[in-house]
């Protein structure tokens, strides 16, 4: 069981990193998904990874406020996590993304 938990954690981390890398490669600001049921945020250079979790098992959702800030909420509307600050994308990557 312990090995399975470790393998699942590595899979989720690898998925997050792959999503961040692909978003950066395509010049996007980030990735929003819910396929992996672990709600949370992660960051990479100039990109944000958002996973809203799931509504069926964990009852979590991603919410954007009127200022454009993202947060994860539970079924009662309580904020369980806030969008982290994203470090700026290096200039070379930012200029190549639009090319």
PDB file of N, CA and C in Angstrom:
ATOM      1  N   UNK A   1       0.825  -1.189   0.000  1.00  0.00           N
ATOM      2  CA  UNK A   1       0.000   0.000   0.000  1.00  0.00           C
ATOM      3  C   UNK A   1       0.872   1.255   0.000  1.00  0.00           C
ATOM      4  N   UNK A   2       1.923   1.259   0.833  1.00  0.00           N
ATOM      5  CA  UNK A   2       2.809   2.418   0.923  1.00  0.00           C
ATOM      6  C   UNK A   2       3.456   2.721  -0.429  1.00  0.00           C
ATOM      7  N   UNK A   3       3.855   1.675  -1.154  1.00  0.00           N
ATOM      8  CA  UNK A   3       4.455   1.866  -2.474  1.00  0.00           C
ATOM      9  C   UNK A   3       3.457   2.446  -3.464  1.00  0.00           C
ATOM     10  N   UNK A   4       2.198   2.028  -3.369  1.00  0.00           N
ATOM     11  CA  UNK A   4       1.169   2.535  -4.279  1.00  0.00           C
ATOM     12  C   UNK A   4       0.905   4.013  -4.041  1.00  0.00           C
ATOM     13  N   UNK A   5       0.905   4.440  -2.778  1.00  0.00           N
ATOM     14  CA  UNK A   5       0.697   5.855  -2.454  1.00  0.00           C
ATOM     15  C   UNK A   5       1.845   6.684  -3.011  1.00  0.00           C
ATOM     16  N   UNK A   6       3.065   6.206  -2.828  1.00  0.00           N
ATOM     17  CA  UNK A   6       4.233   6.909  -3.357  1.00  0.00           C
ATOM     18  C   UNK A   6       4.197   6.999  -4.872  1.00  0.00           C
ATOM     19  N   UNK A   7       3.806   5.918  -5.524  1.00  0.00           N
ATOM     20  CA  UNK A   7       3.717   5.911  -6.988  1.00  0.00           C
ATOM     21  C   UNK A   7       2.634   6.867  -7.465  1.00  0.00           C
ATOM     22  N   UNK A   8       1.508   6.902  -6.774  1.00  0.00           N
ATOM     23  CA  UNK A   8       0.418   7.816  -7.149  1.00  0.00           C
ATOM     24  C   UNK A   8       0.857   9.265  -6.978  1.00  0.00           C
ATOM     25  N   UNK A   9       1.549   9.563  -5.897  1.00  0.00           N
ATOM     26  CA  UNK A   9       2.040  10.924  -5.656  1.00  0.00           C
ATOM     27  C   UNK A   9       3.012  11.346  -6.763  1.00  0.00           C
ATOM     28  N   UNK A  10       3.924  10.449  -7.136  1.00  0.00           N
ATOM     29  CA  UNK A  10       4.879  10.757  -8.215  1.00  0.00           C
ATOM     30  C   UNK A  10       4.146  10.996  -9.532  1.00  0.00           C
ATOM     31  N   UNK A  11       3.126  10.195  -9.805  1.00  0.00           N
ATOM     32  CA  UNK A  11       2.349  10.360 -11.035  1.00  0.00           C
ATOM     33  C   UNK A  11       1.704  11.742 -11.079  1.00  0.00           C
ATOM     34  N   UNK A  12       1.095  12.155  -9.971  1.00  0.00           N
ATOM     35  CA  UNK A  12       0.450  13.470  -9.911  1.00  0.00           C
ATOM     36  C   UNK A  12       1.484  14.569 -10.112  1.00  0.00           C
ATOM     37  N   UNK A  13       2.628  14.465  -9.445  1.00  0.00           N
ATOM     38  CA  UNK A  13       3.682  15.474  -9.585  1.00  0.00           C
ATOM     39  C   UNK A  13       4.198  15.530 -11.019  1.00  0.00           C
ATOM     40  N   UNK A  14       4.378  14.374 -11.648  1.00  0.00           N
ATOM     41  CA  UNK A  14       4.838  14.341 -13.040  1.00  0.00           C
ATOM     42  C   UNK A  14       3.798  14.961 -13.967  1.00  0.00           C
ATOM     43  N   UNK A  15       2.523  14.697 -13.702  1.00  0.00           N
ATOM     44  CA  UNK A  15       1.455  15.282 -14.510  1.00  0.00           C
ATOM     45  C   UNK A  15       1.463  16.801 -14.377  1.00  0.00           C
ATOM     46  N   UNK A  16       1.579  17.305 -13.140  1.00  0.00           N
ATOM     47  CA  UNK A  16       1.626  18.750 -12.911  1.00  0.00           C
ATOM     48  C   UNK A  16       2.790  19.379 -13.669  1.00  0.00           C
ATOM     49  N   UNK A  17       3.964  18.771 -13.567  1.00  0.00           N
ATOM     50  CA  UNK A  17       5.143  19.318 -14.238  1.00  0.00           C
ATOM     51  C   UNK A  17       4.985  19.281 -15.757  1.00  0.00           C
ATOM     52  N   UNK A  18       4.415  18.207 -16.285  1.00  0.00           N
ATOM     53  CA  UNK A  18       4.189  18.113 -17.732  1.00  0.00           C
ATOM     54  C   UNK A  18       3.205  19.182 -18.200  1.00  0.00           C
ATOM     55  N   UNK A  19       2.146  19.412 -17.424  1.00  0.00           N
ATOM     56  CA  UNK A  19       1.157  20.440 -17.779  1.00  0.00           C
ATOM     57  C   UNK A  19       1.787  21.828 -17.740  1.00  0.00           C
ATOM     58  N   UNK A  20       2.592  22.109 -16.711  1.00  0.00           N
ATOM     59  CA  UNK A  20       3.285  23.399 -16.617  1.00  0.00           C
ATOM     60  C   UNK A  20       4.235  23.590 -17.793  1.00  0.00           C
ATOM     61  N   UNK A  21       5.001  22.561 -18.110  1.00  0.00           N
ATOM     62  CA  UNK A  21       5.967  22.634 -19.212  1.00  0.00           C
ATOM     63  C   UNK A  21       5.254  22.886 -20.538  1.00  0.00           C
ATOM     64  N   UNK A  22       4.181  22.159 -20.797  1.00  0.00           N
ATOM     65  CA  UNK A  22       3.448  22.316 -22.056  1.00  0.00           C
ATOM     66  C   UNK A  22       2.821  23.705 -22.151  1.00  0.00           C
ATOM     67  N   UNK A  23       2.247  24.193 -21.061  1.00  0.00           N
ATOM     68  CA  UNK A  23       1.653  25.536 -21.063  1.00  0.00           C
ATOM     69  C   UNK A  23       2.718  26.586 -21.365  1.00  0.00           C
ATOM     70  N   UNK A  24       3.886  26.464 -20.735  1.00  0.00           N
ATOM     71  CA  UNK A  24       4.978  27.414 -20.983  1.00  0.00           C
ATOM     72  C   UNK A  24       5.449  27.318 -22.429  1.00  0.00           C
ATOM     73  N   UNK A  25       5.577  26.097 -22.928  1.00  0.00           N
ATOM     74  CA  UNK A  25       6.037  25.888 -24.303  1.00  0.00           C
ATOM     75  C   UNK A  25       5.092  26.529 -25.319  1.00  0.00           C
ATOM     76  N   UNK A  26       3.802  26.512 -25.017  1.00  0.00           N
ATOM     77  CA  UNK A  26       2.818  27.085 -25.930  1.00  0.00           C
ATOM     78  C   UNK A  26       2.567  28.569 -25.676  1.00  0.00           C
ATOM     79  N   UNK A  27       3.305  29.144 -24.711  1.00  0.00           N
ATOM     80  CA  UNK A  27       3.155  30.565 -24.426  1.00  0.00           C
ATOM     81  C   UNK A  27       1.881  30.906 -23.677  1.00  0.00           C
ATOM     82  N   UNK A  28       1.309  29.930 -22.980  1.00  0.00           N
ATOM     83  CA  UNK A  28       0.073  30.149 -22.227  1.00  0.00           C
ATOM     84  C   UNK A  28       0.382  30.642 -20.818  1.00  0.00           C
ATOM     85  N   UNK A  29      -0.609  31.216 -20.161  1.00  0.00           N
ATOM     86  CA  UNK A  29      -0.447  31.668 -18.779  1.00  0.00           C
ATOM     87  C   UNK A  29      -0.535  30.517 -17.791  1.00  0.00           C
ATOM     88  N   UNK A  30      -1.173  29.422 -18.186  1.00  0.00           N
ATOM     89  CA  UNK A  30      -1.285  28.306 -17.265  1.00  0.00           C
ATOM     90  C   UNK A  30      -2.163  27.195 -17.787  1.00  0.00           C
ATOM     91  N   UNK A  31      -2.487  26.292 -16.875  1.00  0.00           N
ATOM     92  CA  UNK A  31      -3.277  25.101 -17.160  1.00  0.00           C
ATOM     93  C   UNK A  31      -4.352  24.992 -16.081  1.00  0.00           C
ATOM     94  N   UNK A  32      -5.581  24.726 -16.486  1.00  0.00           N
ATOM     95  CA  UNK A  32      -6.663  24.465 -15.540  1.00  0.00           C
ATOM     96  C   UNK A  32      -7.262  23.112 -15.897  1.00  0.00           C
ATOM     97  N   UNK A  33      -7.340  22.233 -14.928  1.00  0.00           N
ATOM     98  CA  UNK A  33      -7.900  20.915 -15.180  1.00  0.00           C
ATOM     99  C   UNK A  33      -8.488  20.325 -13.918  1.00  0.00           C
ATOM    100  N   UNK A  34      -9.057  19.160 -14.058  1.00  0.00           N
ATOM    101  CA  UNK A  34      -9.650  18.479 -12.924  1.00  0.00           C
ATOM    102  C   UNK A  34      -9.563  16.975 -13.052  1.00  0.00           C
ATOM    103  N   UNK A  35      -8.817  16.495 -14.045  1.00  0.00           N
ATOM    104  CA  UNK A  35      -8.753  15.062 -14.295  1.00  0.00           C
ATOM    105  C   UNK A  35      -8.184  14.311 -13.095  1.00  0.00           C
ATOM    106  N   UNK A  36      -7.109  14.845 -12.522  1.00  0.00           N
ATOM    107  CA  UNK A  36      -6.545  14.253 -11.311  1.00  0.00           C
ATOM    108  C   UNK A  36      -7.289  14.887 -10.149  1.00  0.00           C
ATOM    109  N   UNK A  37      -7.867  14.117  -9.300  1.00  0.00           N
ATOM    110  CA  UNK A  37      -8.810  14.609  -8.294  1.00  0.00           C
ATOM    111  C   UNK A  37      -8.174  15.329  -7.118  1.00  0.00           C
ATOM    112  N   UNK A  38      -6.882  15.628  -7.177  1.00  0.00           N
ATOM    113  CA  UNK A  38      -6.184  16.322  -6.094  1.00  0.00           C
ATOM    114  C   UNK A  38      -6.214  17.823  -6.371  1.00  0.00           C
ATOM    115  N   UNK A  39      -7.060  18.543  -5.649  1.00  0.00           N
ATOM    116  CA  UNK A  39      -7.167  19.986  -5.837  1.00  0.00           C
ATOM    117  C   UNK A  39      -5.885  20.669  -5.382  1.00  0.00           C
ATOM    118  N   UNK A  40      -5.468  21.685  -6.138  1.00  0.00           N
ATOM    119  CA  UNK A  40      -4.291  22.439  -5.727  1.00  0.00           C
ATOM    120  C   UNK A  40      -3.744  23.301  -6.839  1.00  0.00           C
ATOM    121  N   UNK A  41      -2.752  24.087  -6.469  1.00  0.00           N
ATOM    122  CA  UNK A  41      -2.047  24.963  -7.393  1.00  0.00           C
ATOM    123  C   UNK A  41      -0.580  24.573  -7.414  1.00  0.00           C
ATOM    124  N   UNK A  42       0.075  24.830  -8.530  1.00  0.00           N
ATOM    125  CA  UNK A  42       1.524  24.701  -8.653  1.00  0.00           C
ATOM    126  C   UNK A  42       1.970  25.793  -9.620  1.00  0.00           C
ATOM    127  N   UNK A  43       3.229  26.166  -9.538  1.00  0.00           N
ATOM    128  CA  UNK A  43       3.737  27.204 -10.432  1.00  0.00           C
ATOM    129  C   UNK A  43       5.031  26.766 -11.086  1.00  0.00           C
ATOM    130  N   UNK A  44       5.283  27.352 -12.234  1.00  0.00           N
ATOM    131  CA  UNK A  44       6.537  27.220 -12.944  1.00  0.00           C
ATOM    132  C   UNK A  44       6.893  28.603 -13.441  1.00  0.00           C
ATOM    133  N   UNK A  45       8.001  28.761 -14.132  1.00  0.00           N
ATOM    134  CA  UNK A  45       8.383  30.086 -14.620  1.00  0.00           C
ATOM    135  C   UNK A  45       7.308  30.692 -15.530  1.00  0.00           C
ATOM    136  N   UNK A  46       6.553  31.636 -15.000  1.00  0.00           N
ATOM    137  CA  UNK A  46       5.555  32.347 -15.786  1.00  0.00           C
ATOM    138  C   UNK A  46       4.258  31.611 -16.032  1.00  0.00           C
ATOM    139  N   UNK A  47       4.058  30.445 -15.423  1.00  0.00           N
ATOM    140  CA  UNK A  47       2.830  29.680 -15.652  1.00  0.00           C
ATOM    141  C   UNK A  47       2.234  29.190 -14.333  1.00  0.00           C
ATOM    142  N   UNK A  48       0.923  28.995 -14.348  1.00  0.00           N
ATOM    143  CA  UNK A  48       0.184  28.542 -13.173  1.00  0.00           C
ATOM    144  C   UNK A  48      -0.568  27.261 -13.514  1.00  0.00           C
ATOM    145  N   UNK A  49      -0.490  26.269 -12.639  1.00  0.00           N
ATOM    146  CA  UNK A  49      -1.232  25.019 -12.765  1.00  0.00           C
ATOM    147  C   UNK A  49      -2.354  25.056 -11.737  1.00  0.00           C
ATOM    148  N   UNK A  50      -3.582  24.823 -12.189  1.00  0.00           N
ATOM    149  CA  UNK A  50      -4.747  24.804 -11.300  1.00  0.00           C
ATOM    150  C   UNK A  50      -5.487  23.490 -11.501  1.00  0.00           C
ATOM    151  N   UNK A  51      -5.722  22.778 -10.423  1.00  0.00           N
ATOM    152  CA  UNK A  51      -6.547  21.581 -10.488  1.00  0.00           C
ATOM    153  C   UNK A  51      -7.697  21.781  -9.520  1.00  0.00           C
ATOM    154  N   UNK A  52      -8.911  21.771 -10.046  1.00  0.00           N
ATOM    155  CA  UNK A  52     -10.079  22.044  -9.202  1.00  0.00           C
ATOM    156  C   UNK A  52     -10.525  20.841  -8.379  1.00  0.00           C
ATOM    157  N   UNK A  53      -9.820  19.736  -8.496  1.00  0.00           N
ATOM    158  CA  UNK A  53     -10.194  18.540  -7.739  1.00  0.00           C
ATOM    159  C   UNK A  53     -11.414  17.898  -8.360  1.00  0.00           C
ATOM    160  N   UNK A  54     -12.434  17.679  -7.569  1.00  0.00           N
ATOM    161  CA  UNK A  54     -13.665  17.098  -8.095  1.00  0.00           C
ATOM    162  C   UNK A  54     -14.817  17.443  -7.169  1.00  0.00           C
ATOM    163  N   UNK A  55     -15.995  17.464  -7.715  1.00  0.00           N
ATOM    164  CA  UNK A  55     -17.179  17.816  -6.938  1.00  0.00           C
ATOM    165  C   UNK A  55     -17.818  16.592  -6.294  1.00  0.00           C
ATOM    166  N   UNK A  56     -17.596  15.415  -6.843  1.00  0.00           N
ATOM    167  CA  UNK A  56     -18.273  14.207  -6.374  1.00  0.00           C
ATOM    168  C   UNK A  56     -17.666  13.670  -5.080  1.00  0.00           C
ATOM    169  N   UNK A  57     -16.344  13.516  -5.046  1.00  0.00           N
ATOM    170  CA  UNK A  57     -15.695  12.900  -3.881  1.00  0.00           C
ATOM    171  C   UNK A  57     -15.207  13.933  -2.862  1.00  0.00           C
ATOM    172  N   UNK A  58     -14.523  14.985  -3.344  1.00  0.00           N
ATOM    173  CA  UNK A  58     -13.922  15.964  -2.433  1.00  0.00           C
ATOM    174  C   UNK A  58     -14.716  17.265  -2.320  1.00  0.00           C
ATOM    175  N   UNK A  59     -15.670  17.458  -3.208  1.00  0.00           N
ATOM    176  CA  UNK A  59     -16.543  18.651  -3.179  1.00  0.00           C
ATOM    177  C   UNK A  59     -15.737  19.944  -3.229  1.00  0.00           C
ATOM    178  N   UNK A  60     -14.809  20.029  -4.190  1.00  0.00           N
ATOM    179  CA  UNK A  60     -13.996  21.230  -4.367  1.00  0.00           C
ATOM    180  C   UNK A  60     -14.253  21.828  -5.744  1.00  0.00           C
ATOM    181  N   UNK A  61     -14.018  23.120  -5.846  1.00  0.00           N
ATOM    182  CA  UNK A  61     -14.216  23.824  -7.112  1.00  0.00           C
ATOM    183  C   UNK A  61     -13.224  24.977  -7.198  1.00  0.00           C
ATOM    184  N   UNK A  62     -12.966  25.415  -8.415  1.00  0.00           N
ATOM    185  CA  UNK A  62     -12.117  26.574  -8.671  1.00  0.00           C
ATOM    186  C   UNK A  62     -13.026  27.773  -8.876  1.00  0.00           C
ATOM    187  N   UNK A  63     -12.703  28.882  -8.219  1.00  0.00           N
ATOM    188  CA  UNK A  63     -13.528  30.081  -8.314  1.00  0.00           C
ATOM    189  C   UNK A  63     -12.651  31.266  -8.704  1.00  0.00           C
ATOM    190  N   UNK A  64     -13.175  32.106  -9.592  1.00  0.00           N
ATOM    191  CA  UNK A  64     -12.501  33.353  -9.954  1.00  0.00           C
ATOM    192  C   UNK A  64     -13.332  34.507  -9.410  1.00  0.00           C
ATOM    193  N   UNK A  65     -12.683  35.422  -8.679  1.00  0.00           N
ATOM    194  CA  UNK A  65     -13.428  36.554  -8.128  1.00  0.00           C
ATOM    195  C   UNK A  65     -13.482  37.702  -9.138  1.00  0.00           C
ATOM    196  N   UNK A  66     -14.125  38.782  -8.767  1.00  0.00           N
ATOM    197  CA  UNK A  66     -14.314  39.912  -9.688  1.00  0.00           C
ATOM    198  C   UNK A  66     -13.008  40.604 -10.045  1.00  0.00           C
ATOM    199  N   UNK A  67     -11.948  40.350  -9.281  1.00  0.00           N
ATOM    200  CA  UNK A  67     -10.626  40.924  -9.567  1.00  0.00           C
ATOM    201  C   UNK A  67      -9.784  39.989 -10.436  1.00  0.00           C
ATOM    202  N   UNK A  68     -10.314  38.811 -10.760  1.00  0.00           N
ATOM    203  CA  UNK A  68      -9.583  37.851 -11.578  1.00  0.00           C
ATOM    204  C   UNK A  68      -8.689  36.909 -10.788  1.00  0.00           C
ATOM    205  N   UNK A  69      -8.761  36.941  -9.466  1.00  0.00           N
ATOM    206  CA  UNK A  69      -7.953  36.048  -8.629  1.00  0.00           C
ATOM    207  C   UNK A  69      -8.657  34.704  -8.488  1.00  0.00           C
ATOM    208  N   UNK A  70      -7.866  33.648  -8.476  1.00  0.00           N
ATOM    209  CA  UNK A  70      -8.405  32.292  -8.366  1.00  0.00           C
ATOM    210  C   UNK A  70      -8.269  31.767  -6.945  1.00  0.00           C
ATOM    211  N   UNK A  71      -9.229  30.969  -6.537  1.00  0.00           N
ATOM    212  CA  UNK A  71      -9.147  30.275  -5.255  1.00  0.00           C
ATOM    213  C   UNK A  71      -9.860  28.937  -5.383  1.00  0.00           C
ATOM    214  N   UNK A  72      -9.473  28.015  -4.529  1.00  0.00           N
ATOM    215  CA  UNK A  72     -10.155  26.731  -4.426  1.00  0.00           C
ATOM    216  C   UNK A  72     -11.112  26.825  -3.254  1.00  0.00           C
ATOM    217  N   UNK A  73     -12.338  26.372  -3.472  1.00  0.00           N
ATOM    218  CA  UNK A  73     -13.348  26.418  -2.418  1.00  0.00           C
ATOM    219  C   UNK A  73     -13.927  25.027  -2.188  1.00  0.00           C
ATOM    220  N   UNK A  74     -14.493  24.843  -0.995  1.00  0.00           N
ATOM    221  CA  UNK A  74     -15.190  23.592  -0.716  1.00  0.00           C
ATOM    222  C   UNK A  74     -16.685  23.795  -0.935  1.00  0.00           C
ATOM    223  N   UNK A  75     -17.466  22.773  -0.658  1.00  0.00           N
ATOM    224  CA  UNK A  75     -18.906  22.802  -0.955  1.00  0.00           C
ATOM    225  C   UNK A  75     -19.660  23.858  -0.161  1.00  0.00           C
ATOM    226  N   UNK A  76     -19.073  24.338   0.933  1.00  0.00           N
ATOM    227  CA  UNK A  76     -19.721  25.383   1.722  1.00  0.00           C
ATOM    228  C   UNK A  76     -19.242  26.782   1.331  1.00  0.00           C
ATOM    229  N   UNK A  77     -18.411  26.849   0.298  1.00  0.00           N
ATOM    230  CA  UNK A  77     -17.902  28.134  -0.161  1.00  0.00           C
ATOM    231  C   UNK A  77     -16.697  28.637   0.604  1.00  0.00           C
ATOM    232  N   UNK A  78     -16.150  27.804   1.491  1.00  0.00           N
ATOM    233  CA  UNK A  78     -14.955  28.199   2.246  1.00  0.00           C
ATOM    234  C   UNK A  78     -13.730  28.100   1.355  1.00  0.00           C
ATOM    235  N   UNK A  79     -12.873  29.104   1.416  1.00  0.00           N
ATOM    236  CA  UNK A  79     -11.631  29.100   0.648  1.00  0.00           C
ATOM    237  C   UNK A  79     -10.671  28.119   1.306  1.00  0.00           C
ATOM    238  N   UNK A  80     -10.177  27.158   0.512  1.00  0.00           N
ATOM    239  CA  UNK A  80      -9.231  26.181   1.041  1.00  0.00           C
ATOM    240  C   UNK A  80      -7.818  26.396   0.510  1.00  0.00           C
ATOM    241  N   UNK A  81      -7.676  27.194  -0.552  1.00  0.00           N
ATOM    242  CA  UNK A  81      -6.354  27.529  -1.089  1.00  0.00           C
ATOM    243  C   UNK A  81      -6.495  28.745  -1.993  1.00  0.00           C
ATOM    244  N   UNK A  82      -5.450  29.566  -2.029  1.00  0.00           N
ATOM    245  CA  UNK A  82      -5.435  30.761  -2.869  1.00  0.00           C
ATOM    246  C   UNK A  82      -4.409  30.613  -3.975  1.00  0.00           C
ATOM    247  N   UNK A  83      -4.678  31.263  -5.098  1.00  0.00           N
ATOM    248  CA  UNK A  83      -3.752  31.262  -6.227  1.00  0.00           C
ATOM    249  C   UNK A  83      -2.409  31.823  -5.768  1.00  0.00           C
ATOM    250  N   UNK A  84      -1.325  31.077  -5.982  1.00  0.00           N
ATOM    251  CA  UNK A  84      -0.006  31.591  -5.597  1.00  0.00           C
ATOM    252  C   UNK A  84       0.497  32.608  -6.615  1.00  0.00           C
ATOM    253  N   UNK A  85       1.440  33.421  -6.184  1.00  0.00           N
ATOM    254  CA  UNK A  85       2.086  34.351  -7.111  1.00  0.00           C
ATOM    255  C   UNK A  85       2.915  33.535  -8.097  1.00  0.00           C
ATOM    256  N   UNK A  86       2.924  33.961  -9.330  1.00  0.00           N
ATOM    257  CA  UNK A  86       3.685  33.276 -10.374  1.00  0.00           C
ATOM    258  C   UNK A  86       4.916  34.104 -10.682  1.00  0.00           C
ATOM    259  N   UNK A  87       6.086  33.446 -10.652  1.00  0.00           N
ATOM    260  CA  UNK A  87       7.308  34.170 -10.985  1.00  0.00           C
ATOM    261  C   UNK A  87       7.282  34.523 -12.468  1.00  0.00           C
ATOM    262  N   UNK A  88       7.835  35.677 -12.822  1.00  0.00           N
ATOM    263  CA  UNK A  88       7.807  36.083 -14.236  1.00  0.00           C
ATOM    264  C   UNK A  88       8.529  35.076 -15.124  1.00  0.00           C
ATOM    265  N   UNK A  89       8.043  34.942 -16.340  1.00  0.00           N
ATOM    266  CA  UNK A  89       8.684  34.091 -17.333  1.00  0.00           C
ATOM    267  C   UNK A  89       9.951  34.801 -17.798  1.00  0.00           C
ATOM    268  N   UNK A  90      11.066  34.087 -17.955  1.00  0.00           N
ATOM    269  CA  UNK A  90      12.282  34.728 -18.467  1.00  0.00           C
ATOM    270  C   UNK A  90      12.008  35.412 -19.804  1.00  0.00           C
ATOM    271  N   UNK A  91      12.658  36.542 -20.039  1.00  0.00           N
ATOM    272  CA  UNK A  91      12.402  37.361 -21.222  1.00  0.00           C
ATOM    273  C   UNK A  91      12.559  36.568 -22.519  1.00  0.00           C
ATOM    274  N   UNK A  92      13.586  35.743 -22.623  1.00  0.00           N
ATOM    275  CA  UNK A  92      13.796  34.977 -23.856  1.00  0.00           C
ATOM    276  C   UNK A  92      12.603  34.074 -24.139  1.00  0.00           C
ATOM    277  N   UNK A  93      12.081  33.400 -23.119  1.00  0.00           N
ATOM    278  CA  UNK A  93      10.920  32.529 -23.310  1.00  0.00           C
ATOM    279  C   UNK A  93       9.688  33.336 -23.676  1.00  0.00           C
ATOM    280  N   UNK A  94       9.499  34.468 -23.013  1.00  0.00           N
ATOM    281  CA  UNK A  94       8.319  35.294 -23.273  1.00  0.00           C
ATOM    282  C   UNK A  94       8.334  35.821 -24.702  1.00  0.00           C
ATOM    283  N   UNK A  95       9.496  36.243 -25.194  1.00  0.00           N
ATOM    284  CA  UNK A  95       9.543  36.783 -26.550  1.00  0.00           C
ATOM    285  C   UNK A  95       9.420  35.682 -27.591  1.00  0.00           C
ATOM    286  N   UNK A  96       9.919  34.493 -27.301  1.00  0.00           N
ATOM    287  CA  UNK A  96       9.807  33.381 -28.246  1.00  0.00           C
ATOM    288  C   UNK A  96       8.385  32.844 -28.312  1.00  0.00           C
ATOM    289  N   UNK A  97       7.656  32.940 -27.207  1.00  0.00           N
ATOM    290  CA  UNK A  97       6.296  32.401 -27.164  1.00  0.00           C
ATOM    291  C   UNK A  97       5.393  33.085 -28.172  1.00  0.00           C
ATOM    292  N   UNK A  98       5.597  34.366 -28.389  1.00  0.00           N
ATOM    293  CA  UNK A  98       4.761  35.093 -29.334  1.00  0.00           C
ATOM    294  C   UNK A  98       5.237  34.976 -30.769  1.00  0.00           C
ATOM    295  N   UNK A  99       6.385  34.361 -30.972  1.00  0.00           N
ATOM    296  CA  UNK A  99       6.946  34.255 -32.331  1.00  0.00           C
ATOM    297  C   UNK A  99       6.293  33.159 -33.129  1.00  0.00           C
TER     298      UNK A  99
END
